[in-house]
Amino acid sequence: MLDDPRDDTVLTTIAFAAVDDLMVLCHSEDNPSEAEWDRWIATERQGKHRALLVATRGGAPNSKQRARVAEVLGANAAPAPPVALLTDSVALRTLMTAFTWLLGHQHRMKAFPPDAVGEAVAWTAIAVRPERVRAVLERLHAALKAPATTSTT
């Protein structure tokens, strides 16, 4: 099954797409704006995915934006989906710890090095081929590097 790039949402600093029940969220080097985070929050409110894989090149939500995610996840009756983070940044691994504190211990989170896509996907317990996820990650990161970004969906 090929994942259709027309289903991708590409903003200025973040891009995301679903791979079956796994939502893939990519951050560029820059932090998301409030408008971009509003778009992400709208996707989170839909709760259509069972796990989240985040890959970042350095960008991350600020404390206010992280708190908004906590509010959305807390408002859902269903348990929060597990979150796997792909990063080689010690600072972002620390941020992952802060998310855990904010959301409580019921929320499963784990950080992985950027090349551990297969391990991260397996940890989420979503039955999707890591090759598909790698292809989507590459496509989203490439779209974030493009001079003119587009927004779809």
Protein backbone atom coordinates (compact mmCIF):
# COMPACT_ATOMS: atom_id res chain seq x y z
CA MET A 1 0.00 0.00 0.00
CA LEU A 2 1.39 3.39 -0.97
CA ASP A 3 0.80 6.36 1.25
CA ASP A 4 -0.60 9.27 -0.75
CA PRO A 5 1.36 12.54 -0.33
CA ARG A 6 -1.90 14.40 -1.01
CA ASP A 7 -2.98 13.29 2.47
CA ASP A 8 0.02 15.03 4.07
CA THR A 9 -0.38 18.26 6.00
CA VAL A 10 2.69 20.41 5.43
CA LEU A 11 2.96 23.75 7.23
CA THR A 12 6.02 25.95 7.70
CA THR A 13 7.69 24.18 10.64
CA ILE A 14 5.64 21.00 11.08
CA ALA A 15 4.25 18.35 8.78
CA PHE A 16 2.15 15.32 9.58
CA ALA A 17 0.53 12.32 7.95
CA ALA A 18 -1.13 9.08 9.00
CA VAL A 19 0.36 5.69 8.24
CA ASP A 20 -2.56 3.44 9.10
CA ASP A 21 -3.13 3.92 12.86
CA LEU A 22 0.23 5.65 13.38
CA MET A 23 0.34 9.45 13.11
CA VAL A 24 3.74 10.75 12.00
CA LEU A 25 4.61 14.32 13.05
CA CYS A 26 7.80 15.98 11.79
CA HIS A 27 9.30 19.18 13.20
CA SER A 28 11.81 21.27 11.26
CA GLU A 29 14.68 23.09 12.97
CA ASP A 30 12.25 25.83 14.05
CA ASN A 31 9.56 25.81 16.72
CA PRO A 32 5.92 25.80 15.56
CA SER A 33 3.92 29.01 15.52
CA GLU A 34 0.63 29.29 17.41
CA ALA A 35 -1.30 28.98 14.14
CA GLU A 36 0.56 25.80 13.21
CA TRP A 37 0.01 24.36 16.68
CA ASP A 38 -3.70 25.18 16.39
CA ARG A 39 -3.76 23.03 13.25
CA TRP A 40 -1.99 20.19 15.07
CA ILE A 41 -4.35 20.47 18.07
CA ALA A 42 -7.32 20.19 15.70
CA THR A 43 -5.86 16.92 14.42
CA GLU A 44 -5.22 15.67 17.95
CA ARG A 45 -8.82 16.45 18.93
CA GLN A 46 -10.02 14.05 16.23
CA GLY A 47 -8.20 11.19 17.98
CA LYS A 48 -8.07 9.06 14.86
CA HIS A 49 -4.66 7.51 15.57
CA ARG A 50 -3.64 4.86 18.09
CA ALA A 51 0.01 5.98 18.36
CA LEU A 52 2.20 8.96 17.51
CA LEU A 53 5.73 9.01 16.13
CA VAL A 54 7.43 12.41 16.36
CA ALA A 55 10.64 13.16 14.47
CA THR A 56 12.39 16.46 15.00
CA ARG A 57 15.32 18.29 13.54
CA GLY A 58 15.37 20.61 16.56
CA GLY A 59 11.98 22.31 16.66
CA ALA A 60 9.57 21.66 19.50
CA PRO A 61 6.41 23.09 21.03
CA ASN A 62 6.79 25.69 23.76
CA SER A 63 5.42 25.16 27.29
CA LYS A 64 2.05 26.76 26.46
CA GLN A 65 1.68 24.53 23.39
CA ARG A 66 2.62 21.42 25.41
CA ALA A 67 0.00 22.34 28.00
CA ARG A 68 -2.63 22.53 25.24
CA VAL A 69 -1.76 18.97 24.18
CA ALA A 70 -2.20 17.86 27.79
CA GLU A 71 -5.63 19.51 27.89
CA VAL A 72 -6.74 17.76 24.70
CA LEU A 73 -5.47 14.38 25.85
CA GLY A 74 -7.03 14.87 29.27
CA ALA A 75 -10.41 15.69 27.71
CA ASN A 76 -10.53 12.41 25.80
CA ALA A 77 -12.12 9.45 27.56
CA ALA A 78 -9.78 7.05 25.79
CA PRO A 79 -6.23 6.48 27.04
CA ALA A 80 -3.62 8.73 25.44
CA PRO A 81 -1.82 7.09 22.52
CA PRO A 82 1.81 6.09 23.03
CA VAL A 83 4.36 8.60 21.73
CA ALA A 84 7.73 7.64 20.25
CA LEU A 85 10.21 10.48 19.71
CA LEU A 86 13.04 10.26 17.17
CA THR A 87 15.83 12.67 18.14
CA ASP A 88 19.52 12.75 18.89
CA SER A 89 19.09 15.84 21.07
CA VAL A 90 19.63 15.47 24.81
CA ALA A 91 17.56 18.65 25.29
CA LEU A 92 14.58 17.14 23.48
CA ARG A 93 14.89 13.91 25.42
CA THR A 94 14.63 16.10 28.51
CA LEU A 95 11.56 17.74 26.97
CA MET A 96 10.10 14.25 26.60
CA THR A 97 10.56 13.80 30.34
CA ALA A 98 8.76 17.12 30.94
CA PHE A 99 5.84 15.90 28.81
CA THR A 100 5.68 12.75 30.93
CA TRP A 101 5.55 14.82 34.13
CA LEU A 102 2.86 17.05 32.66
CA LEU A 103 0.71 14.20 31.37
CA GLY A 104 1.28 11.69 34.15
CA HIS A 105 2.64 8.20 34.16
CA GLN A 106 -0.31 6.67 32.31
CA HIS A 107 0.98 8.27 29.11
CA ARG A 108 3.55 6.05 27.41
CA MET A 109 6.48 7.96 25.90
CA LYS A 110 9.92 6.91 24.78
CA ALA A 111 12.77 8.61 22.90
CA PHE A 112 14.83 6.88 20.22
CA PRO A 113 17.78 7.91 18.06
CA PRO A 114 16.74 9.13 14.58
CA ASP A 115 17.86 5.94 12.84
CA ALA A 116 15.81 3.65 15.14
CA VAL A 117 12.57 3.92 13.16
CA GLY A 118 11.94 0.18 13.25
CA GLU A 119 12.46 0.00 17.00
CA ALA A 120 10.24 3.05 17.59
CA VAL A 121 7.43 1.66 15.42
CA ALA A 122 7.65 -1.72 17.18
CA TRP A 123 7.49 0.01 20.58
CA THR A 124 4.21 1.73 19.61
CA ALA A 125 2.69 -1.73 18.96
CA ILE A 126 1.14 -0.53 15.69
CA ALA A 127 1.34 -3.17 12.94
CA VAL A 128 2.89 -1.11 10.15
CA ARG A 129 6.01 -1.80 8.13
CA PRO A 130 8.90 0.46 9.23
CA GLU A 131 9.81 1.00 5.55
CA ARG A 132 6.49 2.78 5.01
CA VAL A 133 7.12 4.99 8.04
CA ARG A 134 10.68 5.78 6.87
CA ALA A 135 9.34 6.80 3.45
CA VAL A 136 6.75 9.12 5.02
CA LEU A 137 9.36 10.62 7.37
CA GLU A 138 11.67 11.33 4.45
CA ARG A 139 8.85 12.86 2.41
CA LEU A 140 7.66 15.10 5.26
CA HIS A 141 11.16 16.28 6.17
CA ALA A 142 11.87 17.01 2.49
CA ALA A 143 8.64 19.02 2.25
CA LEU A 144 9.66 21.09 5.28
CA LYS A 145 12.94 21.95 3.56
CA ALA A 146 11.20 23.09 0.38
CA PRO A 147 11.30 26.86 -0.21
CA ALA A 148 7.53 27.19 -0.62
CA THR A 149 5.46 25.09 1.77
CA THR A 150 1.88 24.11 1.17
CA SER A 151 -0.96 23.11 3.39
CA THR A 152 -3.22 20.27 2.36
CA THR A 153 -5.91 18.05 3.81
